[in-house]
Structures are given as structure tokens and as C-alpha cells.
Amino acid sequence: MNTKNLVLMALLVGVGAVLYLVIPGFVQGMKPDFMLTMMFIGILLFPTFKETFLLAITTGVLSGLFSTFPGGFFPNIIDKSITGFVFLGIVLAVGHLIQKVATGTVLVGICTIVSGTIFLSMALLLAGLPGDATFGFLFVTVVLPAVAFNAIAFIIIYPIITNLLKRANFKTSVSQA
């Protein structure tokens, strides 16, 4: 892991944090998690255990700190840690096919569902769901729209980042594909 990789990962997490803070919570304090999208892009660029671990923990802690969901700190850390490695496992299994935007978008959507399910499950177990909200209600009103938001964000952001990295001769899995 070199300094350039760390700086790029920090920039991705920072952009994700800004997007996360700007988007208001809309149902029971939950909102689409653009930090998750940026974590997925970071894992696509650096598909290794060390980088995934660093991205997942950092994203989880920051998401937890900025969460508007009551008791959302620990569920965010658990969620990002598990989801990051699920995403990495699929990326490594699929190989270079994942570099296509369409394939990446489908994977982002699937892993956003995984993330939302883990988050809601952990929130239910650790802190309980707010008010009279049920798991199904939050899943339909927050997780499914988040899938759409994250997919659209990925479609817009991923090609921009990959083109910039190719022009800059930056060593990532994208530039070497």
C-alpha cells in the first residue's frame, strides 16, 4: 500500500462523507449512503484485502459518526465491514468483467441491498428501530430507493474517476485492465 493509493482512498472517502452530510434523512433518520458508493469505487480500484479493510472500517466509522439514525454508529461499522468484504469477494470472483460500468452498477445495487439488510438487522438487534417503524417498511422506503441513488451515482462517478486515473498514469486495477 503506497502513499498515492492512501491519498486516493482518502479522497474517495472524503467525497463520500461530503455527499453523505449534504443529503438529508428522509424516513426515520435514514438516508441513501453515498459513502457506500465511494467505498465500492475504492474497492474496484484497489481490490486487495488491506485496502478493503481500510476503506470498510474508515467508511463505517465516518458513516456511524454522521448517522442521523438513532443508535446507528455500531450498525454502520458492522454493515460496512461485512459489505466491503462481500463486494471484494464478488469483484475477485468476477475478475476483469467487473470493470464494465453495467456490471459494476448491478454489483453496486446488489451490495447496497446487502448493506441495507445488514444495517437494519444490526440496528434492530443492537438499538431497535425508531418509533413504530418495521424492518419491511424501512427496507422498502429507504433501502430500495438507496439502491437507485447509489446506482445512479456510480454510473456518473465511476467513469469520471477511471478516465482521470488512466490519464494520470495512476496504478490501479482499472488502469492495468
C-alpha atoms as a PDB file:
ATOM      1  CA  MET A   1       0.000   0.000   0.000  1.00  0.00           C
ATOM      2  CA  ASN A   2       1.646   3.201  -1.097  1.00  0.00           C
ATOM      3  CA  THR A   3       1.011   6.835  -0.276  1.00  0.00           C
ATOM      4  CA  LYS A   4      -0.689   7.615  -3.595  1.00  0.00           C
ATOM      5  CA  ASN A   5      -3.207   4.826  -3.002  1.00  0.00           C
ATOM      6  CA  LEU A   6      -3.897   6.078   0.517  1.00  0.00           C
ATOM      7  CA  VAL A   7      -4.422   9.628  -0.733  1.00  0.00           C
ATOM      8  CA  LEU A   8      -6.841   8.491  -3.444  1.00  0.00           C
ATOM      9  CA  MET A   9      -8.766   6.324  -0.970  1.00  0.00           C
ATOM     10  CA  ALA A  10      -8.926   9.251   1.466  1.00  0.00           C
ATOM     11  CA  LEU A  11     -10.261  11.490  -1.304  1.00  0.00           C
ATOM     12  CA  LEU A  12     -12.943   8.939  -2.175  1.00  0.00           C
ATOM     13  CA  VAL A  13     -13.982   8.590   1.466  1.00  0.00           C
ATOM     14  CA  GLY A  14     -13.929  12.384   1.869  1.00  0.00           C
ATOM     15  CA  VAL A  15     -16.152  12.930  -1.170  1.00  0.00           C
ATOM     16  CA  GLY A  16     -18.472  10.216   0.130  1.00  0.00           C
ATOM     17  CA  ALA A  17     -18.603  11.909   3.539  1.00  0.00           C
ATOM     18  CA  VAL A  18     -19.493  15.266   1.999  1.00  0.00           C
ATOM     19  CA  LEU A  19     -22.243  13.690  -0.101  1.00  0.00           C
ATOM     20  CA  TYR A  20     -23.479  11.810   2.975  1.00  0.00           C
ATOM     21  CA  LEU A  21     -23.669  15.023   5.019  1.00  0.00           C
ATOM     22  CA  VAL A  22     -25.404  17.039   2.305  1.00  0.00           C
ATOM     23  CA  ILE A  23     -28.217  14.529   1.702  1.00  0.00           C
ATOM     24  CA  PRO A  24     -30.983  14.922   4.309  1.00  0.00           C
ATOM     25  CA  GLY A  25     -32.526  11.961   6.123  1.00  0.00           C
ATOM     26  CA  PHE A  26     -35.994  11.279   4.806  1.00  0.00           C
ATOM     27  CA  VAL A  27     -37.502   8.288   6.636  1.00  0.00           C
ATOM     28  CA  GLN A  28     -36.871   7.726  10.357  1.00  0.00           C
ATOM     29  CA  GLY A  29     -33.468   9.423  10.019  1.00  0.00           C
ATOM     30  CA  MET A  30     -32.251   7.063   7.290  1.00  0.00           C
ATOM     31  CA  LYS A  31     -30.831   8.305   4.008  1.00  0.00           C
ATOM     32  CA  PRO A  32     -29.012   6.986   0.942  1.00  0.00           C
ATOM     33  CA  ASP A  33     -25.402   6.238   1.797  1.00  0.00           C
ATOM     34  CA  PHE A  34     -23.134   7.711  -0.848  1.00  0.00           C
ATOM     35  CA  MET A  35     -20.146   6.783   1.297  1.00  0.00           C
ATOM     36  CA  LEU A  36     -21.050   3.219   0.385  1.00  0.00           C
ATOM     37  CA  THR A  37     -20.808   4.057  -3.322  1.00  0.00           C
ATOM     38  CA  MET A  38     -17.399   5.638  -2.837  1.00  0.00           C
ATOM     39  CA  MET A  39     -16.255   2.613  -0.814  1.00  0.00           C
ATOM     40  CA  PHE A  40     -17.327   0.369  -3.705  1.00  0.00           C
ATOM     41  CA  ILE A  41     -15.387   2.507  -6.180  1.00  0.00           C
ATOM     42  CA  GLY A  42     -12.321   2.353  -3.914  1.00  0.00           C
ATOM     43  CA  ILE A  43     -12.558  -1.428  -3.736  1.00  0.00           C
ATOM     44  CA  LEU A  44     -12.877  -1.633  -7.520  1.00  0.00           C
ATOM     45  CA  LEU A  45      -9.748   0.474  -7.884  1.00  0.00           C
ATOM     46  CA  PHE A  46      -7.771  -1.393  -5.204  1.00  0.00           C
ATOM     47  CA  PRO A  47      -9.191  -4.933  -4.910  1.00  0.00           C
ATOM     48  CA  THR A  48      -6.981  -6.200  -2.089  1.00  0.00           C
ATOM     49  CA  PHE A  49      -7.660  -7.271   1.479  1.00  0.00           C
ATOM     50  CA  LYS A  50      -5.670  -4.433   3.089  1.00  0.00           C
ATOM     51  CA  GLU A  51      -7.259  -1.663   1.058  1.00  0.00           C
ATOM     52  CA  THR A  52     -10.749  -3.127   1.525  1.00  0.00           C
ATOM     53  CA  PHE A  53     -10.222  -3.415   5.271  1.00  0.00           C
ATOM     54  CA  LEU A  54      -9.063   0.200   5.473  1.00  0.00           C
ATOM     55  CA  LEU A  55     -11.893   1.510   3.294  1.00  0.00           C
ATOM     56  CA  ALA A  56     -14.561  -0.519   5.104  1.00  0.00           C
ATOM     57  CA  ILE A  57     -13.508   0.485   8.621  1.00  0.00           C
ATOM     58  CA  THR A  58     -12.999   4.148   7.716  1.00  0.00           C
ATOM     59  CA  THR A  59     -16.291   4.351   5.859  1.00  0.00           C
ATOM     60  CA  GLY A  60     -18.101   2.544   8.674  1.00  0.00           C
ATOM     61  CA  VAL A  61     -16.760   4.817  11.399  1.00  0.00           C
ATOM     62  CA  LEU A  62     -17.482   8.007   9.454  1.00  0.00           C
ATOM     63  CA  SER A  63     -20.953   6.810   8.469  1.00  0.00           C
ATOM     64  CA  GLY A  64     -21.593   5.952  12.102  1.00  0.00           C
ATOM     65  CA  LEU A  65     -20.399   9.333  13.335  1.00  0.00           C
ATOM     66  CA  PHE A  66     -22.531  11.204  10.811  1.00  0.00           C
ATOM     67  CA  SER A  67     -25.553   8.913  11.028  1.00  0.00           C
ATOM     68  CA  THR A  68     -28.928  10.521  11.659  1.00  0.00           C
ATOM     69  CA  PHE A  69     -30.367   7.109  12.503  1.00  0.00           C
ATOM     70  CA  PRO A  70     -30.806   6.658  16.281  1.00  0.00           C
ATOM     71  CA  GLY A  71     -28.147   4.228  17.531  1.00  0.00           C
ATOM     72  CA  GLY A  72     -26.628   3.969  14.058  1.00  0.00           C
ATOM     73  CA  PHE A  73     -22.926   4.051  14.992  1.00  0.00           C
ATOM     74  CA  PHE A  74     -22.214   0.349  15.548  1.00  0.00           C
ATOM     75  CA  PRO A  75     -24.640  -0.939  12.894  1.00  0.00           C
ATOM     76  CA  ASN A  76     -22.786   1.236  10.354  1.00  0.00           C
ATOM     77  CA  ILE A  77     -19.387  -0.181  11.291  1.00  0.00           C
ATOM     78  CA  ILE A  78     -20.644  -3.768  11.172  1.00  0.00           C
ATOM     79  CA  ASP A  79     -22.529  -3.153   7.939  1.00  0.00           C
ATOM     80  CA  LYS A  80     -19.629  -1.557   6.042  1.00  0.00           C
ATOM     81  CA  SER A  81     -17.154  -4.171   7.261  1.00  0.00           C
ATOM     82  CA  ILE A  82     -19.241  -7.105   6.067  1.00  0.00           C
ATOM     83  CA  THR A  83     -20.455  -5.435   2.874  1.00  0.00           C
ATOM     84  CA  GLY A  84     -16.936  -4.355   1.895  1.00  0.00           C
ATOM     85  CA  PHE A  85     -15.645  -7.913   2.007  1.00  0.00           C
ATOM     86  CA  VAL A  86     -18.721  -9.322   0.261  1.00  0.00           C
ATOM     87  CA  PHE A  87     -18.122  -6.771  -2.512  1.00  0.00           C
ATOM     88  CA  LEU A  88     -14.410  -7.656  -2.653  1.00  0.00           C
ATOM     89  CA  GLY A  89     -15.217 -11.366  -2.860  1.00  0.00           C
ATOM     90  CA  ILE A  90     -17.538 -10.819  -5.801  1.00  0.00           C
ATOM     91  CA  VAL A  91     -15.043  -8.500  -7.525  1.00  0.00           C
ATOM     92  CA  LEU A  92     -12.292 -11.102  -7.194  1.00  0.00           C
ATOM     93  CA  ALA A  93     -14.608 -13.888  -8.374  1.00  0.00           C
ATOM     94  CA  VAL A  94     -15.855 -11.988 -11.431  1.00  0.00           C
ATOM     95  CA  GLY A  95     -12.434 -10.634 -12.413  1.00  0.00           C
ATOM     96  CA  HIS A  96     -11.976  -8.091 -15.214  1.00  0.00           C
ATOM     97  CA  LEU A  97     -15.656  -8.308 -16.203  1.00  0.00           C
ATOM     98  CA  ILE A  98     -16.359  -6.033 -13.230  1.00  0.00           C
ATOM     99  CA  GLN A  99     -14.570  -3.099 -14.912  1.00  0.00           C
ATOM    100  CA  LYS A 100     -17.606  -2.552 -17.147  1.00  0.00           C
ATOM    101  CA  VAL A 101     -19.945   0.137 -15.852  1.00  0.00           C
ATOM    102  CA  ALA A 102     -23.067  -2.019 -16.346  1.00  0.00           C
ATOM    103  CA  THR A 103     -21.622  -4.932 -14.376  1.00  0.00           C
ATOM    104  CA  GLY A 104     -20.350  -2.608 -11.673  1.00  0.00           C
ATOM    105  CA  THR A 105     -23.742  -0.916 -11.418  1.00  0.00           C
ATOM    106  CA  VAL A 106     -25.522  -4.237 -10.905  1.00  0.00           C
ATOM    107  CA  LEU A 107     -22.985  -5.213  -8.257  1.00  0.00           C
ATOM    108  CA  VAL A 108     -23.368  -1.836  -6.515  1.00  0.00           C
ATOM    109  CA  GLY A 109     -27.136  -2.349  -6.458  1.00  0.00           C
ATOM    110  CA  ILE A 110     -26.878  -5.877  -5.060  1.00  0.00           C
ATOM    111  CA  CYS A 111     -24.354  -4.894  -2.408  1.00  0.00           C
ATOM    112  CA  THR A 112     -26.418  -1.840  -1.446  1.00  0.00           C
ATOM    113  CA  ILE A 113     -29.273  -4.261  -0.689  1.00  0.00           C
ATOM    114  CA  VAL A 114     -26.834  -6.407   1.315  1.00  0.00           C
ATOM    115  CA  SER A 115     -25.641  -3.307   3.166  1.00  0.00           C
ATOM    116  CA  GLY A 116     -29.143  -2.080   3.946  1.00  0.00           C
ATOM    117  CA  THR A 117     -30.228  -5.501   5.158  1.00  0.00           C
ATOM    118  CA  ILE A 118     -27.216  -5.835   7.440  1.00  0.00           C
ATOM    119  CA  PHE A 119     -27.623  -2.288   8.744  1.00  0.00           C
ATOM    120  CA  LEU A 120     -31.307  -2.712   9.550  1.00  0.00           C
ATOM    121  CA  SER A 121     -30.707  -6.129  11.109  1.00  0.00           C
ATOM    122  CA  MET A 122     -27.907  -4.817  13.315  1.00  0.00           C
ATOM    123  CA  ALA A 123     -29.911  -1.719  14.244  1.00  0.00           C
ATOM    124  CA  LEU A 124     -32.852  -3.937  15.178  1.00  0.00           C
ATOM    125  CA  LEU A 125     -30.642  -6.189  17.314  1.00  0.00           C
ATOM    126  CA  LEU A 126     -28.481  -3.518  18.949  1.00  0.00           C
ATOM    127  CA  ALA A 127     -30.684  -0.449  19.344  1.00  0.00           C
ATOM    128  CA  GLY A 128     -34.111  -1.238  17.991  1.00  0.00           C
ATOM    129  CA  LEU A 129     -35.796   0.502  15.105  1.00  0.00           C
ATOM    130  CA  PRO A 130     -37.041   4.039  15.751  1.00  0.00           C
ATOM    131  CA  GLY A 131     -40.664   4.704  16.572  1.00  0.00           C
ATOM    132  CA  ASP A 132     -43.127   2.241  15.183  1.00  0.00           C
ATOM    133  CA  ALA A 133     -41.092   1.542  12.031  1.00  0.00           C
ATOM    134  CA  THR A 134     -40.793  -2.048  10.915  1.00  0.00           C
ATOM    135  CA  PHE A 135     -37.934  -3.715   9.096  1.00  0.00           C
ATOM    136  CA  GLY A 136     -40.058  -4.137   5.965  1.00  0.00           C
ATOM    137  CA  PHE A 137     -41.214  -0.522   5.976  1.00  0.00           C
ATOM    138  CA  LEU A 138     -37.651   0.813   6.278  1.00  0.00           C
ATOM    139  CA  PHE A 139     -36.387  -1.644   3.682  1.00  0.00           C
ATOM    140  CA  VAL A 140     -38.973  -0.544   1.117  1.00  0.00           C
ATOM    141  CA  THR A 141     -38.860   3.191   1.862  1.00  0.00           C
ATOM    142  CA  VAL A 142     -35.117   3.642   2.394  1.00  0.00           C
ATOM    143  CA  VAL A 143     -33.025   0.693   1.189  1.00  0.00           C
ATOM    144  CA  LEU A 144     -34.687   0.244  -2.191  1.00  0.00           C
ATOM    145  CA  PRO A 145     -34.518   3.973  -3.065  1.00  0.00           C
ATOM    146  CA  ALA A 146     -30.885   3.942  -1.875  1.00  0.00           C
ATOM    147  CA  VAL A 147     -30.194   1.206  -4.434  1.00  0.00           C
ATOM    148  CA  ALA A 148     -31.396   3.526  -7.183  1.00  0.00           C
ATOM    149  CA  PHE A 149     -29.482   6.546  -5.819  1.00  0.00           C
ATOM    150  CA  ASN A 150     -26.246   4.561  -5.415  1.00  0.00           C
ATOM    151  CA  ALA A 151     -26.554   3.009  -8.879  1.00  0.00           C
ATOM    152  CA  ILE A 152     -27.098   6.415 -10.492  1.00  0.00           C
ATOM    153  CA  ALA A 153     -24.200   7.910  -8.514  1.00  0.00           C
ATOM    154  CA  PHE A 154     -21.970   5.007  -9.582  1.00  0.00           C
ATOM    155  CA  ILE A 155     -22.941   5.423 -13.246  1.00  0.00           C
ATOM    156  CA  ILE A 156     -21.976   9.104 -13.072  1.00  0.00           C
ATOM    157  CA  ILE A 157     -18.886   8.997 -10.841  1.00  0.00           C
ATOM    158  CA  TYR A 158     -17.099   5.748 -11.795  1.00  0.00           C
ATOM    159  CA  PRO A 159     -16.378   6.615 -15.464  1.00  0.00           C
ATOM    160  CA  ILE A 160     -15.119  10.061 -14.453  1.00  0.00           C
ATOM    161  CA  ILE A 161     -12.716   8.614 -11.891  1.00  0.00           C
ATOM    162  CA  THR A 162     -11.472   5.841 -14.181  1.00  0.00           C
ATOM    163  CA  ASN A 163     -10.827   8.276 -17.056  1.00  0.00           C
ATOM    164  CA  LEU A 164      -8.934  10.626 -14.746  1.00  0.00           C
ATOM    165  CA  LEU A 165      -6.827   7.792 -13.370  1.00  0.00           C
ATOM    166  CA  LYS A 166      -5.975   6.456 -16.830  1.00  0.00           C
ATOM    167  CA  ARG A 167      -4.862   9.916 -17.961  1.00  0.00           C
ATOM    168  CA  ALA A 168      -2.769  10.372 -14.833  1.00  0.00           C
ATOM    169  CA  ASN A 169      -1.000   7.020 -15.308  1.00  0.00           C
ATOM    170  CA  PHE A 170      -2.133   6.024 -11.833  1.00  0.00           C
ATOM    171  CA  LYS A 171      -1.591   2.344 -10.932  1.00  0.00           C
ATOM    172  CA  THR A 172      -4.981   0.834 -10.095  1.00  0.00           C
ATOM    173  CA  SER A 173      -6.821  -2.280 -11.198  1.00  0.00           C
ATOM    174  CA  VAL A 174      -8.690  -0.100 -13.721  1.00  0.00           C
ATOM    175  CA  SER A 175      -5.612   1.393 -15.335  1.00  0.00           C
ATOM    176  CA  GLN A 176      -3.998  -2.039 -15.620  1.00  0.00           C
ATOM    177  CA  ALA A 177      -7.075  -3.704 -17.171  1.00  0.00           C
END
